[in-house]
């Protein structure tokens, strides 16, 4: 990585920390008076690593000491799949047929489609999608380098969108001042 790119990434990370601190000064604490005990990410806690073993009290979202490493994303099981299907069989069948058609070989080969899916999964920040499509991309022959490149394309596009949308802020700031 060139030093210019490394400096840019460091600057972006620092900028994200500053924005995070400005927007969420009370990050990590339970929202006072919240019936549901809503809490948010605390950058410092997030970097402390996962606790060795969960304790029953930490399973409660009302616990303000709960850190982000304590979040769980349940694995889909045959039981949950069958339950989902039982609740809405037509929609479930239609979605499965749609997914099969989308990922079938076509103008784009299946590896390319899975690399696109990896990128989109990171943009939508869906942990299940990330897991499923990284595994599918590997099955379709994608290298670790190709997968990481797809993720970097996502990062650039998300950062680029923020940069491009600055025109909106500039428009709002334009009150006749000299440029």
N, C-alpha and C. Protein backbone atom coordinates (compact mmCIF):
# COMPACT_ATOMS: atom_id res chain seq x y z
N UNK A 1 0.85 -1.17 0.00
CA UNK A 1 0.00 0.00 0.00
C UNK A 1 0.90 1.23 0.00
N UNK A 2 0.60 2.16 -0.89
CA UNK A 2 1.40 3.37 -0.94
C UNK A 2 1.14 4.19 0.31
N UNK A 3 2.12 5.02 0.68
CA UNK A 3 1.95 5.80 1.91
C UNK A 3 0.80 6.78 1.76
N UNK A 4 0.53 7.27 0.54
CA UNK A 4 -0.59 8.18 0.33
C UNK A 4 -1.92 7.51 0.63
N UNK A 5 -2.10 6.27 0.17
CA UNK A 5 -3.32 5.54 0.44
C UNK A 5 -3.44 5.22 1.93
N UNK A 6 -2.34 4.82 2.55
CA UNK A 6 -2.35 4.54 3.99
C UNK A 6 -2.73 5.77 4.79
N UNK A 7 -2.19 6.94 4.40
CA UNK A 7 -2.53 8.18 5.09
C UNK A 7 -4.00 8.53 4.90
N UNK A 8 -4.51 8.28 3.69
CA UNK A 8 -5.92 8.55 3.42
C UNK A 8 -6.80 7.66 4.29
N UNK A 9 -6.47 6.39 4.38
CA UNK A 9 -7.26 5.47 5.20
C UNK A 9 -7.20 5.89 6.66
N UNK A 10 -6.00 6.26 7.15
CA UNK A 10 -5.87 6.72 8.54
C UNK A 10 -6.74 7.97 8.77
N UNK A 11 -6.73 8.88 7.81
CA UNK A 11 -7.53 10.10 7.93
C UNK A 11 -9.02 9.78 7.94
N UNK A 12 -9.45 8.83 7.09
CA UNK A 12 -10.86 8.44 7.06
C UNK A 12 -11.28 7.81 8.38
N UNK A 13 -10.44 6.94 8.92
CA UNK A 13 -10.75 6.29 10.20
C UNK A 13 -10.87 7.35 11.30
N UNK A 14 -9.93 8.29 11.34
CA UNK A 14 -9.98 9.34 12.35
C UNK A 14 -11.23 10.20 12.17
N UNK A 15 -11.57 10.50 10.92
CA UNK A 15 -12.77 11.29 10.65
C UNK A 15 -14.02 10.55 11.15
N UNK A 16 -14.09 9.25 10.88
CA UNK A 16 -15.24 8.47 11.34
C UNK A 16 -15.33 8.48 12.86
N UNK A 17 -14.20 8.42 13.54
CA UNK A 17 -14.21 8.47 15.02
C UNK A 17 -14.75 9.82 15.50
N UNK A 18 -14.29 10.91 14.85
CA UNK A 18 -14.75 12.24 15.24
C UNK A 18 -16.24 12.41 15.01
N UNK A 19 -16.74 11.94 13.86
CA UNK A 19 -18.16 12.02 13.57
C UNK A 19 -18.94 11.20 14.58
N UNK A 20 -18.45 9.98 14.85
CA UNK A 20 -19.08 9.11 15.82
C UNK A 20 -19.17 9.80 17.18
N UNK A 21 -18.08 10.40 17.64
CA UNK A 21 -18.07 11.06 18.94
C UNK A 21 -19.01 12.26 18.96
N UNK A 22 -19.08 12.99 17.84
CA UNK A 22 -19.95 14.16 17.78
C UNK A 22 -21.42 13.77 17.77
N UNK A 23 -21.75 12.73 17.01
CA UNK A 23 -23.15 12.33 16.88
C UNK A 23 -23.65 11.55 18.08
N UNK A 24 -22.77 10.77 18.71
CA UNK A 24 -23.19 9.88 19.78
C UNK A 24 -22.29 10.05 21.00
N UNK A 25 -22.37 11.19 21.65
CA UNK A 25 -21.48 11.42 22.79
C UNK A 25 -21.70 10.48 23.95
N UNK A 26 -22.87 9.86 24.03
CA UNK A 26 -23.16 8.97 25.15
C UNK A 26 -23.12 7.52 24.72
N UNK A 27 -22.42 7.24 23.65
CA UNK A 27 -22.33 5.87 23.13
C UNK A 27 -21.98 4.89 24.24
N UNK A 28 -22.62 3.75 24.21
CA UNK A 28 -22.27 2.69 25.13
C UNK A 28 -23.13 2.66 26.37
N UNK A 29 -23.91 3.68 26.59
CA UNK A 29 -24.74 3.72 27.79
C UNK A 29 -26.19 3.45 27.42
N UNK A 30 -26.89 2.85 28.30
CA UNK A 30 -28.32 2.61 28.05
C UNK A 30 -29.01 3.96 27.95
N UNK A 31 -29.96 4.06 27.06
CA UNK A 31 -30.73 5.29 26.93
C UNK A 31 -31.56 5.45 28.20
N UNK A 32 -31.35 6.55 28.91
CA UNK A 32 -32.04 6.73 30.17
C UNK A 32 -33.54 6.86 29.93
N UNK A 33 -34.32 6.21 30.74
CA UNK A 33 -35.75 6.28 30.63
C UNK A 33 -36.33 5.43 29.51
N UNK A 34 -35.49 4.67 28.83
CA UNK A 34 -35.97 3.85 27.73
C UNK A 34 -36.58 2.57 28.26
N UNK A 35 -37.81 2.33 27.87
CA UNK A 35 -38.47 1.10 28.31
C UNK A 35 -37.77 -0.13 27.77
N UNK A 36 -37.15 -0.01 26.61
CA UNK A 36 -36.51 -1.17 26.00
C UNK A 36 -35.01 -1.21 26.29
N UNK A 37 -34.50 -0.26 27.05
CA UNK A 37 -33.09 -0.28 27.39
C UNK A 37 -32.20 -0.18 26.17
N UNK A 38 -32.52 0.72 25.26
CA UNK A 38 -31.74 0.85 24.04
C UNK A 38 -30.33 1.30 24.38
N UNK A 39 -29.36 0.70 23.73
CA UNK A 39 -27.97 1.06 23.95
C UNK A 39 -27.26 1.07 22.62
N UNK A 40 -26.10 1.67 22.60
CA UNK A 40 -25.37 1.81 21.34
C UNK A 40 -23.92 1.41 21.51
N UNK A 41 -23.25 1.32 20.41
CA UNK A 41 -21.85 0.91 20.33
C UNK A 41 -20.93 1.89 21.02
N UNK A 42 -20.00 1.39 21.78
CA UNK A 42 -18.96 2.21 22.39
C UNK A 42 -17.65 1.75 21.78
N UNK A 43 -16.97 2.63 21.07
CA UNK A 43 -15.75 2.28 20.34
C UNK A 43 -14.73 1.60 21.26
N UNK A 44 -14.56 2.14 22.46
CA UNK A 44 -13.57 1.56 23.37
C UNK A 44 -13.95 0.14 23.78
N UNK A 45 -15.24 -0.06 24.11
CA UNK A 45 -15.68 -1.39 24.51
C UNK A 45 -15.59 -2.36 23.36
N UNK A 46 -15.89 -1.88 22.17
CA UNK A 46 -15.88 -2.75 20.99
C UNK A 46 -14.49 -3.34 20.77
N UNK A 47 -13.46 -2.63 21.14
CA UNK A 47 -12.10 -3.07 20.90
C UNK A 47 -11.53 -3.89 22.05
N UNK A 48 -12.34 -4.22 23.05
CA UNK A 48 -11.81 -4.95 24.20
C UNK A 48 -11.78 -6.45 23.99
N UNK A 49 -12.47 -6.92 22.96
CA UNK A 49 -12.49 -8.36 22.70
C UNK A 49 -13.66 -9.02 23.39
N UNK A 50 -13.99 -10.18 22.93
CA UNK A 50 -15.16 -10.89 23.44
C UNK A 50 -14.87 -11.47 24.81
N UNK A 51 -15.86 -11.45 25.68
CA UNK A 51 -15.67 -12.09 26.98
C UNK A 51 -15.56 -13.60 26.80
N UNK A 52 -14.89 -14.23 27.72
CA UNK A 52 -14.68 -15.67 27.62
C UNK A 52 -15.97 -16.46 27.64
N UNK A 53 -16.85 -16.15 28.55
CA UNK A 53 -18.11 -16.90 28.64
C UNK A 53 -19.22 -15.91 28.98
N UNK A 54 -20.34 -16.06 28.30
CA UNK A 54 -21.48 -15.18 28.53
C UNK A 54 -22.09 -15.49 29.89
N UNK A 55 -22.54 -14.48 30.52
CA UNK A 55 -23.24 -14.75 31.75
C UNK A 55 -24.70 -14.35 31.55
N UNK A 56 -25.61 -15.01 32.23
CA UNK A 56 -27.04 -14.87 31.96
C UNK A 56 -27.49 -13.41 32.02
N UNK A 57 -26.93 -12.65 32.94
CA UNK A 57 -27.34 -11.26 33.05
C UNK A 57 -26.97 -10.45 31.81
N UNK A 58 -25.89 -10.83 31.12
CA UNK A 58 -25.48 -10.09 29.94
C UNK A 58 -26.36 -10.38 28.74
N UNK A 59 -27.22 -11.39 28.83
CA UNK A 59 -28.14 -11.67 27.74
C UNK A 59 -29.27 -10.65 27.69
N UNK A 60 -29.34 -9.78 28.64
CA UNK A 60 -30.41 -8.81 28.77
C UNK A 60 -29.98 -7.50 28.12
N UNK A 61 -30.74 -7.04 27.10
CA UNK A 61 -30.39 -5.79 26.42
C UNK A 61 -30.51 -4.58 27.34
N UNK A 62 -31.15 -4.74 28.48
CA UNK A 62 -31.28 -3.61 29.39
C UNK A 62 -30.00 -3.41 30.21
N UNK A 63 -29.03 -4.26 30.03
CA UNK A 63 -27.78 -4.16 30.76
C UNK A 63 -26.85 -3.18 30.05
N UNK A 64 -26.59 -2.00 30.62
CA UNK A 64 -25.75 -1.02 29.95
C UNK A 64 -24.28 -1.43 29.87
N UNK A 65 -23.90 -2.46 30.59
CA UNK A 65 -22.51 -2.91 30.54
C UNK A 65 -22.25 -3.86 29.38
N UNK A 66 -23.29 -4.23 28.65
CA UNK A 66 -23.14 -5.17 27.54
C UNK A 66 -22.33 -4.51 26.43
N UNK A 67 -21.31 -5.19 25.94
CA UNK A 67 -20.51 -4.62 24.86
C UNK A 67 -20.87 -5.27 23.54
N UNK A 68 -20.43 -4.66 22.42
CA UNK A 68 -20.81 -5.14 21.10
C UNK A 68 -20.29 -6.54 20.81
N UNK A 69 -19.21 -6.95 21.45
CA UNK A 69 -18.71 -8.30 21.20
C UNK A 69 -19.66 -9.34 21.78
N UNK A 70 -20.64 -8.89 22.56
CA UNK A 70 -21.60 -9.78 23.17
C UNK A 70 -22.84 -10.00 22.30
N UNK A 71 -22.91 -9.30 21.16
CA UNK A 71 -24.05 -9.48 20.27
C UNK A 71 -24.02 -10.87 19.65
N UNK A 72 -25.19 -11.44 19.43
CA UNK A 72 -25.26 -12.74 18.80
C UNK A 72 -26.08 -12.64 17.52
N UNK A 73 -25.64 -13.32 16.51
CA UNK A 73 -26.38 -13.45 15.28
C UNK A 73 -26.68 -14.93 15.15
N UNK A 74 -27.90 -15.31 15.48
CA UNK A 74 -28.21 -16.74 15.49
C UNK A 74 -28.02 -17.37 14.11
N UNK A 75 -27.56 -18.59 14.13
CA UNK A 75 -27.38 -19.36 12.89
C UNK A 75 -28.75 -19.85 12.45
N UNK A 76 -29.01 -19.79 11.14
CA UNK A 76 -30.26 -20.38 10.66
C UNK A 76 -30.20 -21.89 10.85
N UNK A 77 -31.31 -22.45 11.20
CA UNK A 77 -31.39 -23.90 11.38
C UNK A 77 -32.51 -24.44 10.49
N UNK A 78 -32.56 -25.75 10.39
CA UNK A 78 -33.66 -26.37 9.63
C UNK A 78 -34.99 -25.96 10.26
N UNK A 79 -35.04 -25.92 11.58
CA UNK A 79 -36.27 -25.55 12.28
C UNK A 79 -36.70 -24.13 11.93
N UNK A 80 -35.76 -23.16 11.96
CA UNK A 80 -36.14 -21.78 11.64
C UNK A 80 -36.52 -21.65 10.17
N UNK A 81 -35.85 -22.40 9.31
CA UNK A 81 -36.19 -22.38 7.89
C UNK A 81 -37.60 -22.91 7.65
N UNK A 82 -37.92 -24.01 8.32
CA UNK A 82 -39.26 -24.59 8.18
C UNK A 82 -40.34 -23.68 8.77
N UNK A 83 -40.01 -23.03 9.88
CA UNK A 83 -40.97 -22.11 10.51
C UNK A 83 -41.23 -20.92 9.60
N UNK A 84 -40.15 -20.35 9.05
CA UNK A 84 -40.28 -19.21 8.14
C UNK A 84 -41.17 -19.61 6.96
N UNK A 85 -40.92 -20.81 6.41
CA UNK A 85 -41.71 -21.29 5.28
C UNK A 85 -43.19 -21.48 5.68
N UNK A 86 -43.43 -22.04 6.85
CA UNK A 86 -44.80 -22.27 7.32
C UNK A 86 -45.55 -20.95 7.49
N UNK A 87 -44.86 -19.91 7.90
CA UNK A 87 -45.50 -18.61 8.13
C UNK A 87 -45.89 -17.91 6.83
N UNK A 88 -45.12 -18.15 5.76
CA UNK A 88 -45.38 -17.49 4.47
C UNK A 88 -44.85 -18.35 3.33
N UNK A 89 -45.48 -19.48 3.06
CA UNK A 89 -44.93 -20.43 2.09
C UNK A 89 -44.78 -19.87 0.67
N UNK A 90 -45.76 -19.12 0.21
CA UNK A 90 -45.68 -18.60 -1.16
C UNK A 90 -44.53 -17.62 -1.31
N UNK A 91 -44.40 -16.72 -0.36
CA UNK A 91 -43.31 -15.74 -0.41
C UNK A 91 -41.95 -16.44 -0.28
N UNK A 92 -41.87 -17.42 0.61
CA UNK A 92 -40.62 -18.15 0.80
C UNK A 92 -40.23 -18.89 -0.48
N UNK A 93 -41.18 -19.57 -1.11
CA UNK A 93 -40.90 -20.28 -2.36
C UNK A 93 -40.50 -19.31 -3.47
N UNK A 94 -41.21 -18.18 -3.54
CA UNK A 94 -40.91 -17.18 -4.57
C UNK A 94 -39.50 -16.61 -4.37
N UNK A 95 -39.14 -16.35 -3.12
CA UNK A 95 -37.81 -15.80 -2.86
C UNK A 95 -36.73 -16.79 -3.26
N UNK A 96 -36.92 -18.07 -2.91
CA UNK A 96 -35.93 -19.09 -3.26
C UNK A 96 -35.80 -19.22 -4.77
N UNK A 97 -36.91 -19.18 -5.50
CA UNK A 97 -36.86 -19.25 -6.97
C UNK A 97 -36.16 -18.02 -7.54
N UNK A 98 -36.45 -16.86 -6.98
CA UNK A 98 -35.82 -15.62 -7.41
C UNK A 98 -34.31 -15.69 -7.21
N UNK A 99 -33.88 -16.11 -6.02
CA UNK A 99 -32.45 -16.21 -5.72
C UNK A 99 -31.76 -17.19 -6.67
N UNK A 100 -32.42 -18.32 -6.94
CA UNK A 100 -31.85 -19.31 -7.85
C UNK A 100 -31.67 -18.72 -9.25
N UNK A 101 -32.66 -17.99 -9.72
CA UNK A 101 -32.59 -17.36 -11.05
C UNK A 101 -31.50 -16.29 -11.10
N UNK A 102 -31.41 -15.49 -10.06
CA UNK A 102 -30.43 -14.40 -10.04
C UNK A 102 -29.01 -14.93 -10.07
N UNK A 103 -28.74 -15.99 -9.31
CA UNK A 103 -27.37 -16.49 -9.21
C UNK A 103 -27.03 -17.56 -10.26
N UNK A 104 -27.95 -17.83 -11.18
CA UNK A 104 -27.67 -18.79 -12.26
C UNK A 104 -26.69 -18.17 -13.25
N UNK A 105 -25.93 -19.03 -13.92
CA UNK A 105 -25.01 -18.59 -14.96
C UNK A 105 -25.80 -17.79 -16.00
N UNK A 106 -25.24 -16.69 -16.42
CA UNK A 106 -25.89 -15.84 -17.43
C UNK A 106 -24.83 -15.00 -18.10
N UNK A 107 -25.15 -13.75 -18.37
CA UNK A 107 -24.17 -12.84 -18.95
C UNK A 107 -22.97 -12.69 -18.01
N UNK A 108 -23.24 -12.79 -16.71
CA UNK A 108 -22.18 -12.80 -15.70
C UNK A 108 -22.00 -14.23 -15.21
N UNK A 109 -20.75 -14.63 -15.03
CA UNK A 109 -20.51 -15.97 -14.48
C UNK A 109 -20.85 -15.97 -12.99
N UNK A 110 -21.06 -17.15 -12.43
CA UNK A 110 -21.50 -17.26 -11.04
C UNK A 110 -20.48 -16.73 -10.05
N UNK A 111 -19.19 -16.85 -10.35
CA UNK A 111 -18.17 -16.30 -9.44
C UNK A 111 -18.30 -14.78 -9.36
N UNK A 112 -18.47 -14.13 -10.51
CA UNK A 112 -18.62 -12.67 -10.53
C UNK A 112 -19.86 -12.26 -9.76
N UNK A 113 -20.95 -13.00 -9.95
CA UNK A 113 -22.18 -12.69 -9.21
C UNK A 113 -21.97 -12.81 -7.71
N UNK A 114 -21.22 -13.83 -7.29
CA UNK A 114 -20.96 -14.00 -5.86
C UNK A 114 -20.04 -12.89 -5.33
N UNK A 115 -19.09 -12.44 -6.13
CA UNK A 115 -18.23 -11.33 -5.70
C UNK A 115 -19.06 -10.05 -5.56
N UNK A 116 -20.00 -9.84 -6.48
CA UNK A 116 -20.91 -8.69 -6.35
C UNK A 116 -21.72 -8.83 -5.06
N UNK A 117 -22.20 -10.04 -4.79
CA UNK A 117 -22.98 -10.29 -3.58
C UNK A 117 -22.15 -10.04 -2.32
N UNK A 118 -20.89 -10.42 -2.34
CA UNK A 118 -20.01 -10.14 -1.19
C UNK A 118 -19.92 -8.63 -0.97
N UNK A 119 -19.73 -7.88 -2.05
CA UNK A 119 -19.63 -6.42 -1.93
C UNK A 119 -20.93 -5.84 -1.39
N UNK A 120 -22.06 -6.25 -1.95
CA UNK A 120 -23.35 -5.73 -1.50
C UNK A 120 -23.63 -6.14 -0.05
N UNK A 121 -23.26 -7.35 0.32
CA UNK A 121 -23.46 -7.80 1.69
C UNK A 121 -22.72 -6.90 2.67
N UNK A 122 -21.55 -6.43 2.28
CA UNK A 122 -20.81 -5.51 3.14
C UNK A 122 -21.45 -4.13 3.15
N UNK A 123 -21.99 -3.71 2.02
CA UNK A 123 -22.68 -2.42 1.97
C UNK A 123 -23.93 -2.43 2.84
N UNK A 124 -24.67 -3.54 2.80
CA UNK A 124 -25.89 -3.64 3.61
C UNK A 124 -25.59 -4.07 5.04
N UNK A 125 -24.36 -4.49 5.28
CA UNK A 125 -23.87 -4.89 6.60
C UNK A 125 -24.69 -6.04 7.19
N UNK A 126 -24.98 -7.01 6.34
CA UNK A 126 -25.74 -8.19 6.76
C UNK A 126 -24.75 -9.32 7.06
N UNK A 127 -24.58 -9.68 8.33
CA UNK A 127 -23.60 -10.72 8.67
C UNK A 127 -23.93 -12.07 8.05
N UNK A 128 -25.22 -12.40 7.94
CA UNK A 128 -25.59 -13.68 7.33
C UNK A 128 -25.25 -13.68 5.84
N UNK A 129 -25.52 -12.56 5.18
CA UNK A 129 -25.22 -12.43 3.74
C UNK A 129 -23.71 -12.51 3.52
N UNK A 130 -22.94 -11.84 4.37
CA UNK A 130 -21.48 -11.89 4.25
C UNK A 130 -21.01 -13.33 4.32
N UNK A 131 -21.47 -14.03 5.35
CA UNK A 131 -21.05 -15.41 5.53
C UNK A 131 -21.45 -16.29 4.34
N UNK A 132 -22.69 -16.20 3.93
CA UNK A 132 -23.18 -17.04 2.84
C UNK A 132 -22.46 -16.75 1.53
N UNK A 133 -22.27 -15.49 1.21
CA UNK A 133 -21.72 -15.16 -0.10
C UNK A 133 -20.20 -15.26 -0.16
N UNK A 134 -19.51 -15.07 0.97
CA UNK A 134 -18.07 -15.33 0.97
C UNK A 134 -17.85 -16.83 0.73
N UNK A 135 -18.62 -17.66 1.43
CA UNK A 135 -18.49 -19.11 1.23
C UNK A 135 -18.85 -19.50 -0.21
N UNK A 136 -19.92 -18.92 -0.74
CA UNK A 136 -20.33 -19.24 -2.12
C UNK A 136 -19.29 -18.74 -3.12
N UNK A 137 -18.72 -17.58 -2.89
CA UNK A 137 -17.69 -17.05 -3.79
C UNK A 137 -16.47 -17.98 -3.79
N UNK A 138 -16.10 -18.48 -2.63
CA UNK A 138 -14.97 -19.42 -2.54
C UNK A 138 -15.29 -20.71 -3.30
N UNK A 139 -16.52 -21.22 -3.13
CA UNK A 139 -16.94 -22.43 -3.86
C UNK A 139 -16.89 -22.21 -5.38
N UNK A 140 -17.15 -20.99 -5.80
CA UNK A 140 -17.14 -20.66 -7.23
C UNK A 140 -15.74 -20.31 -7.73
N UNK A 141 -14.74 -20.42 -6.85
CA UNK A 141 -13.35 -20.24 -7.28
C UNK A 141 -12.75 -18.89 -7.02
N UNK A 142 -13.45 -18.02 -6.30
CA UNK A 142 -12.90 -16.70 -6.00
C UNK A 142 -11.76 -16.83 -4.99
N UNK A 143 -10.71 -16.09 -5.21
CA UNK A 143 -9.57 -16.10 -4.28
C UNK A 143 -9.84 -15.15 -3.13
N UNK A 144 -9.07 -15.31 -2.07
CA UNK A 144 -9.17 -14.39 -0.93
C UNK A 144 -8.89 -12.97 -1.39
N UNK A 145 -7.94 -12.81 -2.30
CA UNK A 145 -7.59 -11.47 -2.80
C UNK A 145 -8.76 -10.86 -3.58
N UNK A 146 -9.46 -11.66 -4.38
CA UNK A 146 -10.61 -11.15 -5.12
C UNK A 146 -11.74 -10.74 -4.17
N UNK A 147 -11.95 -11.53 -3.15
CA UNK A 147 -12.99 -11.20 -2.17
C UNK A 147 -12.65 -9.91 -1.45
N UNK A 148 -11.40 -9.77 -1.02
CA UNK A 148 -11.01 -8.55 -0.33
C UNK A 148 -11.09 -7.34 -1.25
N UNK A 149 -10.74 -7.51 -2.52
CA UNK A 149 -10.85 -6.41 -3.47
C UNK A 149 -12.30 -5.97 -3.63
N UNK A 150 -13.22 -6.94 -3.66
CA UNK A 150 -14.65 -6.61 -3.75
C UNK A 150 -15.09 -5.80 -2.54
N UNK A 151 -14.57 -6.17 -1.37
CA UNK A 151 -14.90 -5.44 -0.14
C UNK A 151 -14.35 -4.01 -0.20
N UNK A 152 -13.13 -3.86 -0.74
CA UNK A 152 -12.55 -2.52 -0.88
C UNK A 152 -13.34 -1.68 -1.87
N UNK A 153 -13.88 -2.31 -2.91
CA UNK A 153 -14.73 -1.56 -3.84
C UNK A 153 -15.94 -1.02 -3.08
N UNK A 154 -16.52 -1.84 -2.21
CA UNK A 154 -17.64 -1.39 -1.39
C UNK A 154 -17.24 -0.21 -0.53
N UNK A 155 -16.09 -0.31 0.13
CA UNK A 155 -15.64 0.78 1.00
C UNK A 155 -15.47 2.07 0.21
N UNK A 156 -14.90 1.97 -0.99
CA UNK A 156 -14.71 3.17 -1.81
C UNK A 156 -16.04 3.74 -2.24
N UNK A 157 -16.97 2.88 -2.63
CA UNK A 157 -18.28 3.35 -3.08
C UNK A 157 -19.05 4.02 -1.94
N UNK A 158 -18.98 3.46 -0.75
CA UNK A 158 -19.68 4.06 0.39
C UNK A 158 -19.03 5.41 0.74
N UNK A 159 -17.69 5.46 0.74
CA UNK A 159 -17.00 6.72 1.01
C UNK A 159 -17.26 7.71 -0.13
N UNK A 160 -17.26 7.20 -1.36
CA UNK A 160 -17.51 8.06 -2.51
C UNK A 160 -18.90 8.67 -2.47
N UNK A 161 -19.86 7.89 -2.00
CA UNK A 161 -21.23 8.41 -1.89
C UNK A 161 -21.29 9.56 -0.89
N UNK A 162 -20.60 9.42 0.22
CA UNK A 162 -20.57 10.50 1.20
C UNK A 162 -19.92 11.74 0.59
N UNK A 163 -18.83 11.53 -0.12
CA UNK A 163 -18.13 12.63 -0.78
C UNK A 163 -19.04 13.29 -1.82
N UNK A 164 -19.69 12.49 -2.66
CA UNK A 164 -20.55 13.03 -3.71
C UNK A 164 -21.74 13.79 -3.12
N UNK A 165 -22.28 13.28 -2.01
CA UNK A 165 -23.43 13.95 -1.40
C UNK A 165 -23.04 15.24 -0.69
N UNK A 166 -21.76 15.54 -0.59
CA UNK A 166 -21.35 16.82 0.00
C UNK A 166 -21.91 17.98 -0.80
N UNK A 167 -22.26 17.73 -2.08
CA UNK A 167 -22.86 18.77 -2.91
C UNK A 167 -24.15 19.28 -2.27
N UNK A 168 -24.89 18.37 -1.63
CA UNK A 168 -26.12 18.77 -0.95
C UNK A 168 -25.80 19.74 0.18
N UNK A 169 -24.80 19.41 0.98
CA UNK A 169 -24.40 20.30 2.08
C UNK A 169 -23.90 21.63 1.53
N UNK A 170 -23.09 21.58 0.47
CA UNK A 170 -22.58 22.82 -0.12
C UNK A 170 -23.71 23.68 -0.64
N UNK A 171 -24.74 23.05 -1.22
CA UNK A 171 -25.90 23.78 -1.70
C UNK A 171 -26.60 24.49 -0.55
N UNK A 172 -26.72 23.80 0.58
CA UNK A 172 -27.36 24.39 1.74
C UNK A 172 -26.52 25.51 2.35
N UNK A 173 -25.20 25.40 2.22
CA UNK A 173 -24.31 26.40 2.76
C UNK A 173 -24.19 27.63 1.86
N UNK A 174 -24.58 27.47 0.61
CA UNK A 174 -24.44 28.54 -0.37
C UNK A 174 -25.44 29.64 -0.09
N UNK A 175 -24.97 30.65 0.62
CA UNK A 175 -25.85 31.79 0.93
C UNK A 175 -25.31 33.06 0.29
N UNK A 176 -24.68 32.88 -0.87
CA UNK A 176 -24.18 34.03 -1.60
C UNK A 176 -22.75 34.39 -1.24
N UNK A 177 -22.14 33.62 -0.36
CA UNK A 177 -20.75 33.91 -0.01
C UNK A 177 -19.86 33.71 -1.20
N UNK A 178 -18.78 34.46 -1.20
CA UNK A 178 -17.79 34.29 -2.27
C UNK A 178 -17.10 32.96 -2.11
N UNK A 179 -16.84 32.30 -3.25
CA UNK A 179 -16.20 30.98 -3.20
C UNK A 179 -14.74 31.09 -3.38
